[in-house]
Every structure is written in structure tokens, then in C-alpha cells.
Amino acid sequence: MPNSLSQQLAYLRELLNNGFYEENLDRLVACCSGLAQDSSYVLPFFVLKNVFQEMSSLLHGVPVNVEKHSDLISELAEPIHHTLVKIMNNDQIDANDLEAIVRVHLRNASVFRLDQG
């Protein structure tokens, strides 16, 4: 993985553009884990790491059709992108930024689990 913060952020954005499938989610987890340790934005990357980790766990070893996968990732890209733009601009991340990500993820994971049950 790249060393500088800007390179790590560029790599993270590249991974995000590749999509939320299991192997890529595992790469996103590793990337966010590194960024949480290497940047002053510990909490946002810790939150993202845990969101991606839970998504990967939900997808692990389970056949998932396109519709169910869409339920799991629905509306996550926008709040994640918004938070990353703030980080790249060296802006402060507030609780509402992280709440938006976690709220959408928890709703999506709940719907996904109901569909799997």
C-alpha cells in the first residue's frame, strides 16, 4: 500500500470505485485500518473499517443475488464520499458525518439479514 497520506487516500478512493464485493471489502478494511493508524482522522477510518468489515462478514460464504447485494450497499457511497472529501480538504469531521454512514449501514445490514433469514 502507498505510504503518504494522499497516496493512501487515492488508493482508498480507487478501492471504493471498484465496488463493495467481498475481496474488495477486505482490501478496504486493511486500507482503513492503516489510515486509522497513519492519520489524524482515527475515528472516521475506524468507523469505515468496521462498516466494511461487517459488510464483508455478511457476504462471506453466502450466495447473494444482485438485488440483495444492492440492499446491502444502497446509499452508502454518498456519505462515504462526503466524508473523504472533508478529509482530503483537511476539514473537521463531525459526528453527523459518521452518523450518516453508520445509520445507512445499520439499516442496510438489517434489511440484508432479514432477506437472508
PDB file of N, CA and C in Angstrom:
ATOM      1  N   MET A   1       0.849  -1.176   0.000  1.00  0.00           N
ATOM      2  CA  MET A   1       0.000   0.000   0.000  1.00  0.00           C
ATOM      3  C   MET A   1       0.893   1.237   0.000  1.00  0.00           C
ATOM      4  N   PRO A   2       0.428   2.302  -0.619  1.00  0.00           N
ATOM      5  CA  PRO A   2       1.217   3.539  -0.672  1.00  0.00           C
ATOM      6  C   PRO A   2       1.486   4.102   0.721  1.00  0.00           C
ATOM      7  N   ASN A   3       2.561   4.891   0.836  1.00  0.00           N
ATOM      8  CA  ASN A   3       2.983   5.385   2.138  1.00  0.00           C
ATOM      9  C   ASN A   3       2.378   6.717   2.540  1.00  0.00           C
ATOM     10  N   SER A   4       2.396   7.704   1.666  1.00  0.00           N
ATOM     11  CA  SER A   4       1.927   9.022   2.075  1.00  0.00           C
ATOM     12  C   SER A   4       0.407   9.023   2.234  1.00  0.00           C
ATOM     13  N   LEU A   5      -0.063   9.939   3.053  1.00  0.00           N
ATOM     14  CA  LEU A   5      -1.499  10.031   3.309  1.00  0.00           C
ATOM     15  C   LEU A   5      -2.278  10.279   2.026  1.00  0.00           C
ATOM     16  N   SER A   6      -1.788  11.157   1.184  1.00  0.00           N
ATOM     17  CA  SER A   6      -2.513  11.436  -0.064  1.00  0.00           C
ATOM     18  C   SER A   6      -2.536  10.204  -0.964  1.00  0.00           C
ATOM     19  N   GLN A   7      -1.457   9.439  -0.982  1.00  0.00           N
ATOM     20  CA  GLN A   7      -1.437   8.204  -1.768  1.00  0.00           C
ATOM     21  C   GLN A   7      -2.392   7.170  -1.182  1.00  0.00           C
ATOM     22  N   GLN A   8      -2.431   7.075   0.138  1.00  0.00           N
ATOM     23  CA  GLN A   8      -3.338   6.135   0.792  1.00  0.00           C
ATOM     24  C   GLN A   8      -4.798   6.512   0.517  1.00  0.00           C
ATOM     25  N   LEU A   9      -5.092   7.801   0.558  1.00  0.00           N
ATOM     26  CA  LEU A   9      -6.456   8.253   0.260  1.00  0.00           C
ATOM     27  C   LEU A   9      -6.826   7.984  -1.193  1.00  0.00           C
ATOM     28  N   ALA A  10      -5.878   8.188  -2.095  1.00  0.00           N
ATOM     29  CA  ALA A  10      -6.126   7.894  -3.508  1.00  0.00           C
ATOM     30  C   ALA A  10      -6.377   6.402  -3.699  1.00  0.00           C
ATOM     31  N   TYR A  11      -5.615   5.579  -3.013  1.00  0.00           N
ATOM     32  CA  TYR A  11      -5.802   4.129  -3.080  1.00  0.00           C
ATOM     33  C   TYR A  11      -7.171   3.744  -2.523  1.00  0.00           C
ATOM     34  N   LEU A  12      -7.567   4.351  -1.404  1.00  0.00           N
ATOM     35  CA  LEU A  12      -8.880   4.086  -0.817  1.00  0.00           C
ATOM     36  C   LEU A  12      -9.990   4.448  -1.801  1.00  0.00           C
ATOM     37  N   ARG A  13      -9.871   5.593  -2.432  1.00  0.00           N
ATOM     38  CA  ARG A  13     -10.885   6.013  -3.413  1.00  0.00           C
ATOM     39  C   ARG A  13     -10.939   5.045  -4.594  1.00  0.00           C
ATOM     40  N   GLU A  14      -9.779   4.564  -5.019  1.00  0.00           N
ATOM     41  CA  GLU A  14      -9.726   3.579  -6.100  1.00  0.00           C
ATOM     42  C   GLU A  14     -10.460   2.294  -5.683  1.00  0.00           C
ATOM     43  N   LEU A  15     -10.197   1.842  -4.466  1.00  0.00           N
ATOM     44  CA  LEU A  15     -10.880   0.646  -3.962  1.00  0.00           C
ATOM     45  C   LEU A  15     -12.387   0.865  -3.897  1.00  0.00           C
ATOM     46  N   LEU A  16     -12.794   2.041  -3.435  1.00  0.00           N
ATOM     47  CA  LEU A  16     -14.225   2.344  -3.361  1.00  0.00           C
ATOM     48  C   LEU A  16     -14.861   2.313  -4.744  1.00  0.00           C
ATOM     49  N   ASN A  17     -14.148   2.806  -5.737  1.00  0.00           N
ATOM     50  CA  ASN A  17     -14.654   2.793  -7.109  1.00  0.00           C
ATOM     51  C   ASN A  17     -14.764   1.384  -7.673  1.00  0.00           C
ATOM     52  N   ASN A  18     -13.980   0.455  -7.127  1.00  0.00           N
ATOM     53  CA  ASN A  18     -14.024  -0.936  -7.586  1.00  0.00           C
ATOM     54  C   ASN A  18     -15.271  -1.669  -7.104  1.00  0.00           C
ATOM     55  N   GLY A  19     -15.915  -1.162  -6.070  1.00  0.00           N
ATOM     56  CA  GLY A  19     -17.171  -1.752  -5.621  1.00  0.00           C
ATOM     57  C   GLY A  19     -17.075  -2.487  -4.297  1.00  0.00           C
ATOM     58  N   PHE A  20     -18.240  -2.810  -3.775  1.00  0.00           N
ATOM     59  CA  PHE A  20     -18.360  -3.451  -2.468  1.00  0.00           C
ATOM     60  C   PHE A  20     -18.607  -4.953  -2.625  1.00  0.00           C
ATOM     61  N   TYR A  21     -17.619  -5.662  -3.137  1.00  0.00           N
ATOM     62  CA  TYR A  21     -17.697  -7.109  -3.170  1.00  0.00           C
ATOM     63  C   TYR A  21     -16.703  -7.641  -2.138  1.00  0.00           C
ATOM     64  N   GLU A  22     -16.844  -8.909  -1.763  1.00  0.00           N
ATOM     65  CA  GLU A  22     -16.154  -9.423  -0.587  1.00  0.00           C
ATOM     66  C   GLU A  22     -14.644  -9.197  -0.589  1.00  0.00           C
ATOM     67  N   GLU A  23     -13.943  -9.568  -1.657  1.00  0.00           N
ATOM     68  CA  GLU A  23     -12.484  -9.406  -1.663  1.00  0.00           C
ATOM     69  C   GLU A  23     -12.080  -7.937  -1.587  1.00  0.00           C
ATOM     70  N   ASN A  24     -12.835  -7.086  -2.261  1.00  0.00           N
ATOM     71  CA  ASN A  24     -12.513  -5.665  -2.227  1.00  0.00           C
ATOM     72  C   ASN A  24     -12.825  -5.068  -0.854  1.00  0.00           C
ATOM     73  N   LEU A  25     -13.890  -5.553  -0.216  1.00  0.00           N
ATOM     74  CA  LEU A  25     -14.199  -5.085   1.135  1.00  0.00           C
ATOM     75  C   LEU A  25     -13.051  -5.414   2.087  1.00  0.00           C
ATOM     76  N   ASP A  26     -12.445  -6.592   1.904  1.00  0.00           N
ATOM     77  CA  ASP A  26     -11.297  -6.952   2.742  1.00  0.00           C
ATOM     78  C   ASP A  26     -10.117  -6.005   2.500  1.00  0.00           C
ATOM     79  N   ARG A  27      -9.926  -5.573   1.262  1.00  0.00           N
ATOM     80  CA  ARG A  27      -8.880  -4.588   0.955  1.00  0.00           C
ATOM     81  C   ARG A  27      -9.218  -3.237   1.592  1.00  0.00           C
ATOM     82  N   LEU A  28     -10.501  -2.877   1.541  1.00  0.00           N
ATOM     83  CA  LEU A  28     -10.941  -1.619   2.160  1.00  0.00           C
ATOM     84  C   LEU A  28     -10.706  -1.646   3.665  1.00  0.00           C
ATOM     85  N   VAL A  29     -10.957  -2.790   4.292  1.00  0.00           N
ATOM     86  CA  VAL A  29     -10.717  -2.931   5.733  1.00  0.00           C
ATOM     87  C   VAL A  29      -9.247  -2.687   6.042  1.00  0.00           C
ATOM     88  N   ALA A  30      -8.366  -3.329   5.288  1.00  0.00           N
ATOM     89  CA  ALA A  30      -6.926  -3.171   5.519  1.00  0.00           C
ATOM     90  C   ALA A  30      -6.482  -1.726   5.288  1.00  0.00           C
ATOM     91  N   CYS A  31      -6.999  -1.121   4.237  1.00  0.00           N
ATOM     92  CA  CYS A  31      -6.641   0.265   3.921  1.00  0.00           C
ATOM     93  C   CYS A  31      -7.099   1.209   5.039  1.00  0.00           C
ATOM     94  N   CYS A  32      -8.333   1.064   5.477  1.00  0.00           N
ATOM     95  CA  CYS A  32      -8.862   1.931   6.539  1.00  0.00           C
ATOM     96  C   CYS A  32      -8.139   1.696   7.862  1.00  0.00           C
ATOM     97  N   SER A  33      -7.766   0.452   8.114  1.00  0.00           N
ATOM     98  CA  SER A  33      -7.007   0.145   9.326  1.00  0.00           C
ATOM     99  C   SER A  33      -5.676   0.892   9.312  1.00  0.00           C
ATOM    100  N   GLY A  34      -4.999   0.870   8.178  1.00  0.00           N
ATOM    101  CA  GLY A  34      -3.745   1.604   8.049  1.00  0.00           C
ATOM    102  C   GLY A  34      -3.930   3.099   8.180  1.00  0.00           C
ATOM    103  N   LEU A  35      -4.976   3.620   7.544  1.00  0.00           N
ATOM    104  CA  LEU A  35      -5.239   5.062   7.623  1.00  0.00           C
ATOM    105  C   LEU A  35      -5.597   5.486   9.040  1.00  0.00           C
ATOM    106  N   ALA A  36      -6.296   4.647   9.785  1.00  0.00           N
ATOM    107  CA  ALA A  36      -6.637   4.975  11.174  1.00  0.00           C
ATOM    108  C   ALA A  36      -5.370   5.100  12.018  1.00  0.00           C
ATOM    109  N   GLN A  37      -4.349   4.336  11.660  1.00  0.00           N
ATOM    110  CA  GLN A  37      -3.095   4.372  12.411  1.00  0.00           C
ATOM    111  C   GLN A  37      -2.142   5.456  11.919  1.00  0.00           C
ATOM    112  N   ASP A  38      -2.269   5.819  10.617  1.00  0.00           N
ATOM    113  CA  ASP A  38      -1.302   6.723  10.000  1.00  0.00           C
ATOM    114  C   ASP A  38      -1.773   8.164   9.848  1.00  0.00           C
ATOM    115  N   SER A  39      -3.006   8.456  10.240  1.00  0.00           N
ATOM    116  CA  SER A  39      -3.510   9.814  10.039  1.00  0.00           C
ATOM    117  C   SER A  39      -4.102  10.348  11.334  1.00  0.00           C
ATOM    118  N   SER A  40      -4.431  11.620  11.314  1.00  0.00           N
ATOM    119  CA  SER A  40      -5.069  12.220  12.493  1.00  0.00           C
ATOM    120  C   SER A  40      -6.576  11.965  12.492  1.00  0.00           C
ATOM    121  N   TYR A  41      -7.083  11.332  11.434  1.00  0.00           N
ATOM    122  CA  TYR A  41      -8.505  11.028  11.321  1.00  0.00           C
ATOM    123  C   TYR A  41      -8.773   9.592  11.777  1.00  0.00           C
ATOM    124  N   VAL A  42      -8.498   9.317  13.028  1.00  0.00           N
ATOM    125  CA  VAL A  42      -8.615   7.965  13.566  1.00  0.00           C
ATOM    126  C   VAL A  42     -10.066   7.482  13.532  1.00  0.00           C
ATOM    127  N   LEU A  43     -10.982   8.260  14.069  1.00  0.00           N
ATOM    128  CA  LEU A  43     -12.366   7.810  14.198  1.00  0.00           C
ATOM    129  C   LEU A  43     -13.055   7.560  12.851  1.00  0.00           C
ATOM    130  N   PRO A  44     -12.945   8.444  11.868  1.00  0.00           N
ATOM    131  CA  PRO A  44     -13.600   8.149  10.586  1.00  0.00           C
ATOM    132  C   PRO A  44     -13.107   6.856   9.945  1.00  0.00           C
ATOM    133  N   PHE A  45     -11.804   6.625   9.991  1.00  0.00           N
ATOM    134  CA  PHE A  45     -11.284   5.413   9.363  1.00  0.00           C
ATOM    135  C   PHE A  45     -11.588   4.172  10.192  1.00  0.00           C
ATOM    136  N   PHE A  46     -11.664   4.329  11.496  1.00  0.00           N
ATOM    137  CA  PHE A  46     -12.083   3.219  12.348  1.00  0.00           C
ATOM    138  C   PHE A  46     -13.535   2.848  12.041  1.00  0.00           C
ATOM    139  N   VAL A  47     -14.390   3.842  11.890  1.00  0.00           N
ATOM    140  CA  VAL A  47     -15.798   3.599  11.552  1.00  0.00           C
ATOM    141  C   VAL A  47     -15.902   2.924  10.189  1.00  0.00           C
ATOM    142  N   LEU A  48     -15.209   3.460   9.197  1.00  0.00           N
ATOM    143  CA  LEU A  48     -15.257   2.865   7.854  1.00  0.00           C
ATOM    144  C   LEU A  48     -14.739   1.436   7.876  1.00  0.00           C
ATOM    145  N   LYS A  49     -13.642   1.203   8.590  1.00  0.00           N
ATOM    146  CA  LYS A  49     -13.091  -0.151   8.685  1.00  0.00           C
ATOM    147  C   LYS A  49     -14.142  -1.115   9.229  1.00  0.00           C
ATOM    148  N   ASN A  50     -14.840  -0.713  10.269  1.00  0.00           N
ATOM    149  CA  ASN A  50     -15.822  -1.590  10.872  1.00  0.00           C
ATOM    150  C   ASN A  50     -17.049  -1.797   9.981  1.00  0.00           C
ATOM    151  N   VAL A  51     -17.452  -0.778   9.271  1.00  0.00           N
ATOM    152  CA  VAL A  51     -18.564  -0.911   8.320  1.00  0.00           C
ATOM    153  C   VAL A  51     -18.182  -1.904   7.229  1.00  0.00           C
ATOM    154  N   PHE A  52     -17.001  -1.727   6.649  1.00  0.00           N
ATOM    155  CA  PHE A  52     -16.562  -2.620   5.578  1.00  0.00           C
ATOM    156  C   PHE A  52     -16.363  -4.041   6.092  1.00  0.00           C
ATOM    157  N   GLN A  53     -15.856  -4.171   7.305  1.00  0.00           N
ATOM    158  CA  GLN A  53     -15.635  -5.488   7.897  1.00  0.00           C
ATOM    159  C   GLN A  53     -16.964  -6.216   8.107  1.00  0.00           C
ATOM    160  N   GLU A  54     -17.962  -5.506   8.596  1.00  0.00           N
ATOM    161  CA  GLU A  54     -19.266  -6.134   8.805  1.00  0.00           C
ATOM    162  C   GLU A  54     -19.902  -6.506   7.469  1.00  0.00           C
ATOM    163  N   MET A  55     -19.774  -5.651   6.471  1.00  0.00           N
ATOM    164  CA  MET A  55     -20.310  -5.973   5.152  1.00  0.00           C
ATOM    165  C   MET A  55     -19.639  -7.226   4.602  1.00  0.00           C
ATOM    166  N   SER A  56     -18.327  -7.322   4.750  1.00  0.00           N
ATOM    167  CA  SER A  56     -17.598  -8.496   4.281  1.00  0.00           C
ATOM    168  C   SER A  56     -18.077  -9.754   5.003  1.00  0.00           C
ATOM    169  N   SER A  57     -18.271  -9.641   6.309  1.00  0.00           N
ATOM    170  CA  SER A  57     -18.762 -10.784   7.087  1.00  0.00           C
ATOM    171  C   SER A  57     -20.148 -11.220   6.627  1.00  0.00           C
ATOM    172  N   LEU A  58     -21.001 -10.263   6.319  1.00  0.00           N
ATOM    173  CA  LEU A  58     -22.350 -10.591   5.856  1.00  0.00           C
ATOM    174  C   LEU A  58     -22.320 -11.313   4.514  1.00  0.00           C
ATOM    175  N   LEU A  59     -21.355 -10.969   3.672  1.00  0.00           N
ATOM    176  CA  LEU A  59     -21.265 -11.568   2.342  1.00  0.00           C
ATOM    177  C   LEU A  59     -20.471 -12.870   2.328  1.00  0.00           C
ATOM    178  N   HIS A  60     -19.701 -13.116   3.381  1.00  0.00           N
ATOM    179  CA  HIS A  60     -18.786 -14.249   3.407  1.00  0.00           C
ATOM    180  C   HIS A  60     -19.521 -15.592   3.306  1.00  0.00           C
ATOM    181  N   GLY A  61     -19.185 -16.322   2.262  1.00  0.00           N
ATOM    182  CA  GLY A  61     -19.678 -17.682   2.100  1.00  0.00           C
ATOM    183  C   GLY A  61     -21.159 -17.820   1.848  1.00  0.00           C
ATOM    184  N   VAL A  62     -21.820 -16.732   1.500  1.00  0.00           N
ATOM    185  CA  VAL A  62     -23.262 -16.771   1.283  1.00  0.00           C
ATOM    186  C   VAL A  62     -23.551 -16.381  -0.167  1.00  0.00           C
ATOM    187  N   PRO A  63     -24.309 -17.210  -0.874  1.00  0.00           N
ATOM    188  CA  PRO A  63     -24.693 -16.782  -2.225  1.00  0.00           C
ATOM    189  C   PRO A  63     -25.640 -15.592  -2.136  1.00  0.00           C
ATOM    190  N   VAL A  64     -25.317 -14.541  -2.859  1.00  0.00           N
ATOM    191  CA  VAL A  64     -26.094 -13.309  -2.782  1.00  0.00           C
ATOM    192  C   VAL A  64     -26.461 -12.888  -4.198  1.00  0.00           C
ATOM    193  N   ASN A  65     -27.752 -12.655  -4.404  1.00  0.00           N
ATOM    194  CA  ASN A  65     -28.147 -12.167  -5.725  1.00  0.00           C
ATOM    195  C   ASN A  65     -27.934 -10.653  -5.795  1.00  0.00           C
ATOM    196  N   VAL A  66     -28.055 -10.124  -6.986  1.00  0.00           N
ATOM    197  CA  VAL A  66     -27.766  -8.709  -7.232  1.00  0.00           C
ATOM    198  C   VAL A  66     -28.672  -7.804  -6.404  1.00  0.00           C
ATOM    199  N   GLU A  67     -29.934  -8.147  -6.299  1.00  0.00           N
ATOM    200  CA  GLU A  67     -30.883  -7.316  -5.551  1.00  0.00           C
ATOM    201  C   GLU A  67     -30.518  -7.246  -4.070  1.00  0.00           C
ATOM    202  N   LYS A  68     -30.166  -8.379  -3.473  1.00  0.00           N
ATOM    203  CA  LYS A  68     -29.794  -8.392  -2.059  1.00  0.00           C
ATOM    204  C   LYS A  68     -28.486  -7.640  -1.829  1.00  0.00           C
ATOM    205  N   HIS A  69     -27.547  -7.792  -2.769  1.00  0.00           N
ATOM    206  CA  HIS A  69     -26.293  -7.061  -2.666  1.00  0.00           C
ATOM    207  C   HIS A  69     -26.565  -5.559  -2.733  1.00  0.00           C
ATOM    208  N   SER A  70     -27.467  -5.163  -3.614  1.00  0.00           N
ATOM    209  CA  SER A  70     -27.837  -3.745  -3.726  1.00  0.00           C
ATOM    210  C   SER A  70     -28.451  -3.233  -2.436  1.00  0.00           C
ATOM    211  N   ASP A  71     -29.230  -4.075  -1.765  1.00  0.00           N
ATOM    212  CA  ASP A  71     -29.799  -3.687  -0.470  1.00  0.00           C
ATOM    213  C   ASP A  71     -28.695  -3.396   0.542  1.00  0.00           C
ATOM    214  N   LEU A  72     -27.628  -4.187   0.497  1.00  0.00           N
ATOM    215  CA  LEU A  72     -26.542  -4.036   1.469  1.00  0.00           C
ATOM    216  C   LEU A  72     -25.723  -2.770   1.233  1.00  0.00           C
ATOM    217  N   ILE A  73     -25.575  -2.364  -0.012  1.00  0.00           N
ATOM    218  CA  ILE A  73     -24.701  -1.219  -0.309  1.00  0.00           C
ATOM    219  C   ILE A  73     -25.461   0.071  -0.623  1.00  0.00           C
ATOM    220  N   SER A  74     -26.773  -0.014  -0.642  1.00  0.00           N
ATOM    221  CA  SER A  74     -27.617   1.117  -1.023  1.00  0.00           C
ATOM    222  C   SER A  74     -27.306   2.376  -0.219  1.00  0.00           C
ATOM    223  N   GLU A  75     -27.104   3.464  -0.924  1.00  0.00           N
ATOM    224  CA  GLU A  75     -26.947   4.812  -0.357  1.00  0.00           C
ATOM    225  C   GLU A  75     -25.730   4.998   0.534  1.00  0.00           C
ATOM    226  N   LEU A  76     -24.770   4.086   0.477  1.00  0.00           N
ATOM    227  CA  LEU A  76     -23.554   4.239   1.287  1.00  0.00           C
ATOM    228  C   LEU A  76     -22.500   5.114   0.617  1.00  0.00           C
ATOM    229  N   ALA A  77     -22.444   5.094  -0.692  1.00  0.00           N
ATOM    230  CA  ALA A  77     -21.377   5.796  -1.403  1.00  0.00           C
ATOM    231  C   ALA A  77     -21.370   7.293  -1.109  1.00  0.00           C
ATOM    232  N   GLU A  78     -22.532   7.917  -1.083  1.00  0.00           N
ATOM    233  CA  GLU A  78     -22.587   9.370  -0.909  1.00  0.00           C
ATOM    234  C   GLU A  78     -22.034   9.835   0.438  1.00  0.00           C
ATOM    235  N   PRO A  79     -22.496   9.276   1.578  1.00  0.00           N
ATOM    236  CA  PRO A  79     -21.928   9.765   2.844  1.00  0.00           C
ATOM    237  C   PRO A  79     -20.442   9.413   3.011  1.00  0.00           C
ATOM    238  N   ILE A  80     -20.014   8.296   2.433  1.00  0.00           N
ATOM    239  CA  ILE A  80     -18.595   7.951   2.492  1.00  0.00           C
ATOM    240  C   ILE A  80     -17.792   8.953   1.665  1.00  0.00           C
ATOM    241  N   HIS A  81     -18.254   9.222   0.463  1.00  0.00           N
ATOM    242  CA  HIS A  81     -17.576  10.190  -0.409  1.00  0.00           C
ATOM    243  C   HIS A  81     -17.511  11.567   0.267  1.00  0.00           C
ATOM    244  N   HIS A  82     -18.618  11.999   0.845  1.00  0.00           N
ATOM    245  CA  HIS A  82     -18.677  13.297   1.528  1.00  0.00           C
ATOM    246  C   HIS A  82     -17.616  13.370   2.633  1.00  0.00           C
ATOM    247  N   THR A  83     -17.486  12.310   3.407  1.00  0.00           N
ATOM    248  CA  THR A  83     -16.517  12.282   4.495  1.00  0.00           C
ATOM    249  C   THR A  83     -15.090  12.291   3.962  1.00  0.00           C
ATOM    250  N   LEU A  84     -14.844  11.531   2.897  1.00  0.00           N
ATOM    251  CA  LEU A  84     -13.491  11.506   2.325  1.00  0.00           C
ATOM    252  C   LEU A  84     -13.097  12.856   1.728  1.00  0.00           C
ATOM    253  N   VAL A  85     -14.039  13.543   1.122  1.00  0.00           N
ATOM    254  CA  VAL A  85     -13.755  14.883   0.589  1.00  0.00           C
ATOM    255  C   VAL A  85     -13.353  15.813   1.726  1.00  0.00           C
ATOM    256  N   LYS A  86     -14.062  15.731   2.843  1.00  0.00           N
ATOM    257  CA  LYS A  86     -13.701  16.554   4.001  1.00  0.00           C
ATOM    258  C   LYS A  86     -12.289  16.239   4.483  1.00  0.00           C
ATOM    259  N   ILE A  87     -11.961  14.953   4.511  1.00  0.00           N
ATOM    260  CA  ILE A  87     -10.621  14.553   4.951  1.00  0.00           C
ATOM    261  C   ILE A  87      -9.574  15.081   3.978  1.00  0.00           C
ATOM    262  N   MET A  88      -9.816  14.930   2.686  1.00  0.00           N
ATOM    263  CA  MET A  88      -8.853  15.405   1.688  1.00  0.00           C
ATOM    264  C   MET A  88      -8.679  16.916   1.739  1.00  0.00           C
ATOM    265  N   ASN A  89      -9.721  17.627   2.156  1.00  0.00           N
ATOM    266  CA  ASN A  89      -9.645  19.089   2.295  1.00  0.00           C
ATOM    267  C   ASN A  89      -9.144  19.512   3.669  1.00  0.00           C
ATOM    268  N   ASN A  90      -8.789  18.529   4.493  1.00  0.00           N
ATOM    269  CA  ASN A  90      -8.309  18.784   5.850  1.00  0.00           C
ATOM    270  C   ASN A  90      -9.365  19.469   6.709  1.00  0.00           C
ATOM    271  N   ASP A  91     -10.629  19.190   6.419  1.00  0.00           N
ATOM    272  CA  ASP A  91     -11.731  19.736   7.204  1.00  0.00           C
ATOM    273  C   ASP A  91     -12.007  18.837   8.406  1.00  0.00           C
ATOM    274  N   GLN A  92     -12.672  19.419   9.378  1.00  0.00           N
ATOM    275  CA  GLN A  92     -13.048  18.657  10.563  1.00  0.00           C
ATOM    276  C   GLN A  92     -14.229  17.746  10.243  1.00  0.00           C
ATOM    277  N   ILE A  93     -14.172  16.527  10.726  1.00  0.00           N
ATOM    278  CA  ILE A  93     -15.276  15.575  10.587  1.00  0.00           C
ATOM    279  C   ILE A  93     -16.090  15.674  11.867  1.00  0.00           C
ATOM    280  N   ASP A  94     -17.402  15.853  11.711  1.00  0.00           N
ATOM    281  CA  ASP A  94     -18.232  15.905  12.911  1.00  0.00           C
ATOM    282  C   ASP A  94     -19.063  14.628  13.031  1.00  0.00           C
ATOM    283  N   ALA A  95     -19.721  14.516  14.153  1.00  0.00           N
ATOM    284  CA  ALA A  95     -20.496  13.306  14.442  1.00  0.00           C
ATOM    285  C   ALA A  95     -21.560  13.044  13.383  1.00  0.00           C
ATOM    286  N   ASN A  96     -22.146  14.090  12.814  1.00  0.00           N
ATOM    287  CA  ASN A  96     -23.185  13.898  11.798  1.00  0.00           C
ATOM    288  C   ASN A  96     -22.653  13.191  10.555  1.00  0.00           C
ATOM    289  N   ASP A  97     -21.403  13.448  10.194  1.00  0.00           N
ATOM    290  CA  ASP A  97     -20.803  12.783   9.037  1.00  0.00           C
ATOM    291  C   ASP A  97     -20.730  11.273   9.270  1.00  0.00           C
ATOM    292  N   LEU A  98     -20.282  10.905  10.452  1.00  0.00           N
ATOM    293  CA  LEU A  98     -20.154   9.481  10.775  1.00  0.00           C
ATOM    294  C   LEU A  98     -21.515   8.847  11.040  1.00  0.00           C
ATOM    295  N   GLU A  99     -22.408   9.602  11.664  1.00  0.00           N
ATOM    296  CA  GLU A  99     -23.772   9.112  11.898  1.00  0.00           C
ATOM    297  C   GLU A  99     -24.442   8.728  10.589  1.00  0.00           C
ATOM    298  N   ALA A 100     -24.258   9.538   9.558  1.00  0.00           N
ATOM    299  CA  ALA A 100     -24.891   9.263   8.264  1.00  0.00           C
ATOM    300  C   ALA A 100     -24.416   7.925   7.712  1.00  0.00           C
ATOM    301  N   ILE A 101     -23.135   7.651   7.818  1.00  0.00           N
ATOM    302  CA  ILE A 101     -22.585   6.384   7.326  1.00  0.00           C
ATOM    303  C   ILE A 101     -23.119   5.215   8.142  1.00  0.00           C
ATOM    304  N   VAL A 102     -23.029   5.333   9.455  1.00  0.00           N
ATOM    305  CA  VAL A 102     -23.437   4.235  10.328  1.00  0.00           C
ATOM    306  C   VAL A 102     -24.938   3.990  10.232  1.00  0.00           C
ATOM    307  N   ARG A 103     -25.727   5.045  10.180  1.00  0.00           N
ATOM    308  CA  ARG A 103     -27.184   4.899  10.083  1.00  0.00           C
ATOM    309  C   ARG A 103     -27.579   4.126   8.832  1.00  0.00           C
ATOM    310  N   VAL A 104     -27.023   4.520   7.691  1.00  0.00           N
ATOM    311  CA  VAL A 104     -27.331   3.844   6.433  1.00  0.00           C
ATOM    312  C   VAL A 104     -26.857   2.392   6.490  1.00  0.00           C
ATOM    313  N   HIS A 105     -25.653   2.182   6.994  1.00  0.00           N
ATOM    314  CA  HIS A 105     -25.127   0.814   7.062  1.00  0.00           C
ATOM    315  C   HIS A 105     -25.989  -0.080   7.951  1.00  0.00           C
ATOM    316  N   LEU A 106     -26.369   0.406   9.116  1.00  0.00           N
ATOM    317  CA  LEU A 106     -27.177  -0.419  10.024  1.00  0.00           C
ATOM    318  C   LEU A 106     -28.525  -0.766   9.414  1.00  0.00           C
ATOM    319  N   ARG A 107     -29.122   0.199   8.742  1.00  0.00           N
ATOM    320  CA  ARG A 107     -30.397  -0.077   8.056  1.00  0.00           C
ATOM    321  C   ARG A 107     -30.195  -1.126   6.967  1.00  0.00           C
ATOM    322  N   ASN A 108     -29.170  -0.933   6.139  1.00  0.00           N
ATOM    323  CA  ASN A 108     -28.902  -1.866   5.049  1.00  0.00           C
ATOM    324  C   ASN A 108     -28.600  -3.268   5.563  1.00  0.00           C
ATOM    325  N   ALA A 109     -27.778  -3.353   6.601  1.00  0.00           N
ATOM    326  CA  ALA A 109     -27.421  -4.663   7.161  1.00  0.00           C
ATOM    327  C   ALA A 109     -28.650  -5.352   7.729  1.00  0.00           C
ATOM    328  N   SER A 110     -29.519  -4.595   8.357  1.00  0.00           N
ATOM    329  CA  SER A 110     -30.752  -5.166   8.897  1.00  0.00           C
ATOM    330  C   SER A 110     -31.638  -5.717   7.803  1.00  0.00           C
ATOM    331  N   VAL A 111     -31.811  -4.965   6.733  1.00  0.00           N
ATOM    332  CA  VAL A 111     -32.618  -5.429   5.590  1.00  0.00           C
ATOM    333  C   VAL A 111     -31.977  -6.657   4.962  1.00  0.00           C
ATOM    334  N   PHE A 112     -30.661  -6.635   4.823  1.00  0.00           N
ATOM    335  CA  PHE A 112     -29.935  -7.773   4.245  1.00  0.00           C
ATOM    336  C   PHE A 112     -30.145  -9.027   5.081  1.00  0.00           C
ATOM    337  N   ARG A 113     -30.019  -8.893   6.400  1.00  0.00           N
ATOM    338  CA  ARG A 113     -30.195 -10.055   7.286  1.00  0.00           C
ATOM    339  C   ARG A 113     -31.619 -10.604   7.223  1.00  0.00           C
ATOM    340  N   LEU A 114     -32.594  -9.708   7.161  1.00  0.00           N
ATOM    341  CA  LEU A 114     -33.992 -10.154   7.047  1.00  0.00           C
ATOM    342  C   LEU A 114     -34.211 -10.941   5.767  1.00  0.00           C
ATOM    343  N   ASP A 115     -33.618 -10.473   4.676  1.00  0.00           N
ATOM    344  CA  ASP A 115     -33.744 -11.155   3.388  1.00  0.00           C
ATOM    345  C   ASP A 115     -33.050 -12.514   3.407  1.00  0.00           C
ATOM    346  N   GLN A 116     -31.981 -12.640   4.176  1.00  0.00           N
ATOM    347  CA  GLN A 116     -31.243 -13.894   4.235  1.00  0.00           C
ATOM    348  C   GLN A 116     -31.956 -14.925   5.116  1.00  0.00           C
ATOM    349  N   GLY A 117     -32.720 -14.431   6.077  1.00  0.00           N
ATOM    350  CA  GLY A 117     -33.342 -15.303   7.072  1.00  0.00           C
ATOM    351  C   GLY A 117     -34.440 -16.095   6.508  1.00  0.00           C
TER     352      GLY A 117
END
